[in-house]
Amino acid sequence: MERGNKEREDIMTKQKAIALSILETLTESKTGGMPAGHMFAALMSFCGHMEFNSILSALERGGLVQVSNHYVTPTDKARALFVKEAAQ
């Protein structure tokens, strides 16, 4: 049972790292957003397509990104998160 918990924690840590990299990339983007396919192409060595879509959906449900026609933009909530982080 202990091993299963460790594996789950490792997966969650990886997914959090991917989510944070998506948010950081989007908030620093000079174009205001990025096509989801381009982000997946950059991350495909770290996660599969279903996992990427799951992470993106979680970010959207959390109000951190908006997805329209496969184009992903950060929300003000996401931008505020990184402004606070940079100020510390």
N, C-alpha and C. Protein backbone atom coordinates (compact mmCIF):
# COMPACT_ATOMS: atom_id res chain seq x y z
N MET A 1 0.82 -1.19 0.00
CA MET A 1 0.00 0.00 0.00
C MET A 1 0.87 1.25 0.00
N GLU A 2 1.96 1.22 0.71
CA GLU A 2 2.87 2.37 0.80
C GLU A 2 3.39 2.74 -0.58
N ARG A 3 3.73 1.75 -1.39
CA ARG A 3 4.27 2.01 -2.72
C ARG A 3 3.24 2.69 -3.61
N GLY A 4 1.99 2.30 -3.52
CA GLY A 4 0.92 2.91 -4.31
C GLY A 4 0.75 4.37 -3.98
N ASN A 5 0.84 4.71 -2.70
CA ASN A 5 0.73 6.11 -2.28
C ASN A 5 1.89 6.94 -2.83
N LYS A 6 3.08 6.38 -2.80
CA LYS A 6 4.27 7.08 -3.30
C LYS A 6 4.13 7.33 -4.80
N GLU A 7 3.66 6.34 -5.54
CA GLU A 7 3.47 6.50 -6.98
C GLU A 7 2.43 7.57 -7.28
N ARG A 8 1.35 7.58 -6.50
CA ARG A 8 0.31 8.59 -6.67
C ARG A 8 0.87 9.99 -6.39
N GLU A 9 1.66 10.11 -5.34
CA GLU A 9 2.27 11.40 -5.00
C GLU A 9 3.22 11.86 -6.11
N ASP A 10 3.98 10.93 -6.68
CA ASP A 10 4.89 11.27 -7.77
C ASP A 10 4.12 11.77 -8.99
N ILE A 11 3.00 11.12 -9.30
CA ILE A 11 2.17 11.53 -10.43
C ILE A 11 1.60 12.92 -10.18
N MET A 12 1.10 13.15 -8.97
CA MET A 12 0.52 14.46 -8.64
C MET A 12 1.59 15.55 -8.71
N THR A 13 2.79 15.26 -8.23
CA THR A 13 3.88 16.23 -8.27
C THR A 13 4.22 16.56 -9.72
N LYS A 14 4.28 15.55 -10.57
CA LYS A 14 4.58 15.77 -11.99
C LYS A 14 3.49 16.61 -12.64
N GLN A 15 2.23 16.30 -12.35
CA GLN A 15 1.12 17.05 -12.93
C GLN A 15 1.12 18.50 -12.45
N LYS A 16 1.45 18.72 -11.19
CA LYS A 16 1.53 20.09 -10.67
C LYS A 16 2.65 20.85 -11.37
N ALA A 17 3.78 20.20 -11.59
CA ALA A 17 4.90 20.85 -12.27
C ALA A 17 4.52 21.22 -13.70
N ILE A 18 3.81 20.33 -14.38
CA ILE A 18 3.36 20.61 -15.74
C ILE A 18 2.37 21.76 -15.74
N ALA A 19 1.42 21.73 -14.80
CA ALA A 19 0.42 22.81 -14.71
C ALA A 19 1.10 24.15 -14.46
N LEU A 20 2.07 24.18 -13.57
CA LEU A 20 2.78 25.42 -13.29
C LEU A 20 3.58 25.90 -14.49
N SER A 21 4.17 24.97 -15.23
CA SER A 21 4.93 25.38 -16.42
C SER A 21 4.00 25.95 -17.49
N ILE A 22 2.80 25.39 -17.61
CA ILE A 22 1.80 25.92 -18.55
C ILE A 22 1.42 27.33 -18.14
N LEU A 23 1.11 27.51 -16.87
CA LEU A 23 0.70 28.84 -16.39
C LEU A 23 1.82 29.87 -16.53
N GLU A 24 3.03 29.47 -16.20
CA GLU A 24 4.15 30.40 -16.30
C GLU A 24 4.39 30.80 -17.75
N THR A 25 4.33 29.84 -18.66
CA THR A 25 4.51 30.13 -20.08
C THR A 25 3.44 31.08 -20.58
N LEU A 26 2.19 30.82 -20.20
CA LEU A 26 1.09 31.66 -20.66
C LEU A 26 1.17 33.07 -20.10
N THR A 27 1.50 33.20 -18.83
CA THR A 27 1.53 34.54 -18.23
C THR A 27 2.71 35.36 -18.75
N GLU A 28 3.76 34.70 -19.21
CA GLU A 28 4.92 35.41 -19.75
C GLU A 28 4.82 35.62 -21.26
N SER A 29 3.82 35.02 -21.90
CA SER A 29 3.66 35.11 -23.35
C SER A 29 3.36 36.54 -23.78
N LYS A 30 4.09 37.01 -24.75
CA LYS A 30 3.88 38.37 -25.27
C LYS A 30 2.65 38.44 -26.17
N THR A 31 2.18 37.29 -26.65
CA THR A 31 1.00 37.25 -27.53
C THR A 31 -0.29 37.10 -26.75
N GLY A 32 -0.20 36.90 -25.44
CA GLY A 32 -1.39 36.78 -24.61
C GLY A 32 -1.93 35.38 -24.48
N GLY A 33 -1.39 34.45 -25.21
CA GLY A 33 -1.85 33.07 -25.13
C GLY A 33 -1.05 32.20 -26.08
N MET A 34 -1.55 30.97 -26.28
CA MET A 34 -0.83 30.02 -27.11
C MET A 34 -1.77 28.90 -27.55
N PRO A 35 -1.59 28.38 -28.76
CA PRO A 35 -2.39 27.23 -29.16
C PRO A 35 -2.08 26.02 -28.27
N ALA A 36 -3.13 25.31 -27.88
CA ALA A 36 -2.95 24.14 -27.02
C ALA A 36 -2.04 23.10 -27.66
N GLY A 37 -2.14 22.94 -28.96
CA GLY A 37 -1.31 21.96 -29.66
C GLY A 37 0.17 22.27 -29.57
N HIS A 38 0.52 23.55 -29.59
CA HIS A 38 1.92 23.94 -29.46
C HIS A 38 2.43 23.62 -28.06
N MET A 39 1.58 23.87 -27.06
CA MET A 39 1.99 23.54 -25.68
C MET A 39 2.16 22.04 -25.52
N PHE A 40 1.21 21.27 -26.07
CA PHE A 40 1.33 19.82 -25.95
C PHE A 40 2.59 19.32 -26.64
N ALA A 41 2.89 19.86 -27.81
CA ALA A 41 4.10 19.44 -28.53
C ALA A 41 5.35 19.68 -27.68
N ALA A 42 5.37 20.78 -26.95
CA ALA A 42 6.53 21.08 -26.09
C ALA A 42 6.59 20.16 -24.88
N LEU A 43 5.43 19.66 -24.45
CA LEU A 43 5.37 18.85 -23.22
C LEU A 43 5.23 17.36 -23.48
N MET A 44 5.13 16.94 -24.73
CA MET A 44 4.81 15.55 -25.00
C MET A 44 5.85 14.55 -24.50
N SER A 45 7.06 14.98 -24.23
CA SER A 45 8.04 14.06 -23.66
C SER A 45 7.83 13.89 -22.15
N PHE A 46 6.94 14.70 -21.57
CA PHE A 46 6.66 14.63 -20.13
C PHE A 46 5.29 14.05 -19.81
N CYS A 47 4.36 14.12 -20.78
CA CYS A 47 3.01 13.60 -20.51
C CYS A 47 2.33 13.21 -21.81
N GLY A 48 1.34 12.35 -21.69
CA GLY A 48 0.56 11.95 -22.85
C GLY A 48 -0.54 12.96 -23.15
N HIS A 49 -1.20 12.76 -24.27
CA HIS A 49 -2.24 13.69 -24.70
C HIS A 49 -3.40 13.74 -23.71
N MET A 50 -3.84 12.59 -23.22
CA MET A 50 -4.95 12.57 -22.26
C MET A 50 -4.57 13.27 -20.96
N GLU A 51 -3.36 13.04 -20.50
CA GLU A 51 -2.90 13.69 -19.26
C GLU A 51 -2.81 15.20 -19.46
N PHE A 52 -2.29 15.63 -20.61
CA PHE A 52 -2.21 17.06 -20.91
C PHE A 52 -3.61 17.68 -20.91
N ASN A 53 -4.55 17.03 -21.59
CA ASN A 53 -5.92 17.56 -21.63
C ASN A 53 -6.55 17.61 -20.25
N SER A 54 -6.25 16.62 -19.43
CA SER A 54 -6.76 16.58 -18.06
C SER A 54 -6.21 17.76 -17.24
N ILE A 55 -4.93 18.03 -17.38
CA ILE A 55 -4.31 19.14 -16.66
C ILE A 55 -4.89 20.46 -17.14
N LEU A 56 -5.04 20.61 -18.46
CA LEU A 56 -5.59 21.84 -19.02
C LEU A 56 -7.03 22.04 -18.57
N SER A 57 -7.80 20.96 -18.51
CA SER A 57 -9.19 21.05 -18.03
C SER A 57 -9.24 21.46 -16.57
N ALA A 58 -8.33 20.93 -15.76
CA ALA A 58 -8.28 21.29 -14.34
C ALA A 58 -7.95 22.77 -14.18
N LEU A 59 -7.03 23.27 -14.99
CA LEU A 59 -6.69 24.70 -14.94
C LEU A 59 -7.88 25.56 -15.37
N GLU A 60 -8.62 25.07 -16.35
CA GLU A 60 -9.80 25.81 -16.81
C GLU A 60 -10.89 25.81 -15.73
N ARG A 61 -11.14 24.65 -15.12
CA ARG A 61 -12.13 24.57 -14.04
C ARG A 61 -11.74 25.44 -12.85
N GLY A 62 -10.45 25.56 -12.62
CA GLY A 62 -9.95 26.38 -11.51
C GLY A 62 -9.95 27.87 -11.82
N GLY A 63 -10.36 28.22 -13.02
CA GLY A 63 -10.43 29.63 -13.39
C GLY A 63 -9.08 30.26 -13.69
N LEU A 64 -8.10 29.43 -14.02
CA LEU A 64 -6.75 29.94 -14.28
C LEU A 64 -6.47 30.15 -15.76
N VAL A 65 -7.18 29.43 -16.62
CA VAL A 65 -7.03 29.60 -18.07
C VAL A 65 -8.40 29.58 -18.73
N GLN A 66 -8.44 30.15 -19.93
CA GLN A 66 -9.62 30.05 -20.78
C GLN A 66 -9.18 29.38 -22.06
N VAL A 67 -10.01 28.46 -22.55
CA VAL A 67 -9.71 27.76 -23.80
C VAL A 67 -10.83 28.05 -24.78
N SER A 68 -10.46 28.60 -25.92
CA SER A 68 -11.43 28.90 -26.97
C SER A 68 -10.82 28.52 -28.31
N ASN A 69 -11.47 27.61 -29.01
CA ASN A 69 -10.96 27.13 -30.31
C ASN A 69 -9.52 26.64 -30.20
N HIS A 70 -9.23 25.90 -29.15
CA HIS A 70 -7.91 25.31 -28.89
C HIS A 70 -6.83 26.36 -28.63
N TYR A 71 -7.23 27.61 -28.36
CA TYR A 71 -6.28 28.66 -28.01
C TYR A 71 -6.43 28.93 -26.52
N VAL A 72 -5.33 28.87 -25.80
CA VAL A 72 -5.35 28.96 -24.34
C VAL A 72 -4.80 30.31 -23.90
N THR A 73 -5.55 31.00 -23.06
CA THR A 73 -5.11 32.28 -22.51
C THR A 73 -5.20 32.23 -20.99
N PRO A 74 -4.28 32.91 -20.31
CA PRO A 74 -4.34 32.96 -18.85
C PRO A 74 -5.42 33.95 -18.41
N THR A 75 -6.02 33.69 -17.30
CA THR A 75 -7.00 34.62 -16.74
C THR A 75 -6.28 35.61 -15.83
N ASP A 76 -7.02 36.61 -15.39
CA ASP A 76 -6.45 37.57 -14.44
C ASP A 76 -6.03 36.87 -13.16
N LYS A 77 -6.76 35.83 -12.79
CA LYS A 77 -6.43 35.06 -11.58
C LYS A 77 -5.04 34.43 -11.72
N ALA A 78 -4.73 33.88 -12.88
CA ALA A 78 -3.41 33.27 -13.12
C ALA A 78 -2.32 34.33 -13.11
N ARG A 79 -2.60 35.46 -13.75
CA ARG A 79 -1.60 36.54 -13.78
C ARG A 79 -1.31 37.05 -12.37
N ALA A 80 -2.36 37.19 -11.57
CA ALA A 80 -2.19 37.66 -10.19
C ALA A 80 -1.35 36.67 -9.38
N LEU A 81 -1.54 35.39 -9.62
CA LEU A 81 -0.78 34.36 -8.92
C LEU A 81 0.72 34.53 -9.17
N PHE A 82 1.09 34.81 -10.41
CA PHE A 82 2.50 34.95 -10.74
C PHE A 82 3.06 36.31 -10.35
N VAL A 83 2.23 37.33 -10.30
CA VAL A 83 2.68 38.64 -9.81
C VAL A 83 3.03 38.53 -8.33
N LYS A 84 2.17 37.84 -7.56
CA LYS A 84 2.43 37.65 -6.13
C LYS A 84 3.71 36.85 -5.93
N GLU A 85 3.90 35.81 -6.75
CA GLU A 85 5.08 34.97 -6.63
C GLU A 85 6.34 35.76 -6.93
N ALA A 86 6.30 36.62 -7.94
CA ALA A 86 7.47 37.41 -8.32
C ALA A 86 7.80 38.47 -7.26
N ALA A 87 6.79 38.95 -6.56
CA ALA A 87 7.00 39.98 -5.54
C ALA A 87 7.66 39.43 -4.28
N GLN A 88 7.56 38.14 -4.06
CA GLN A 88 8.11 37.56 -2.83
C GLN A 88 9.58 37.33 -2.90
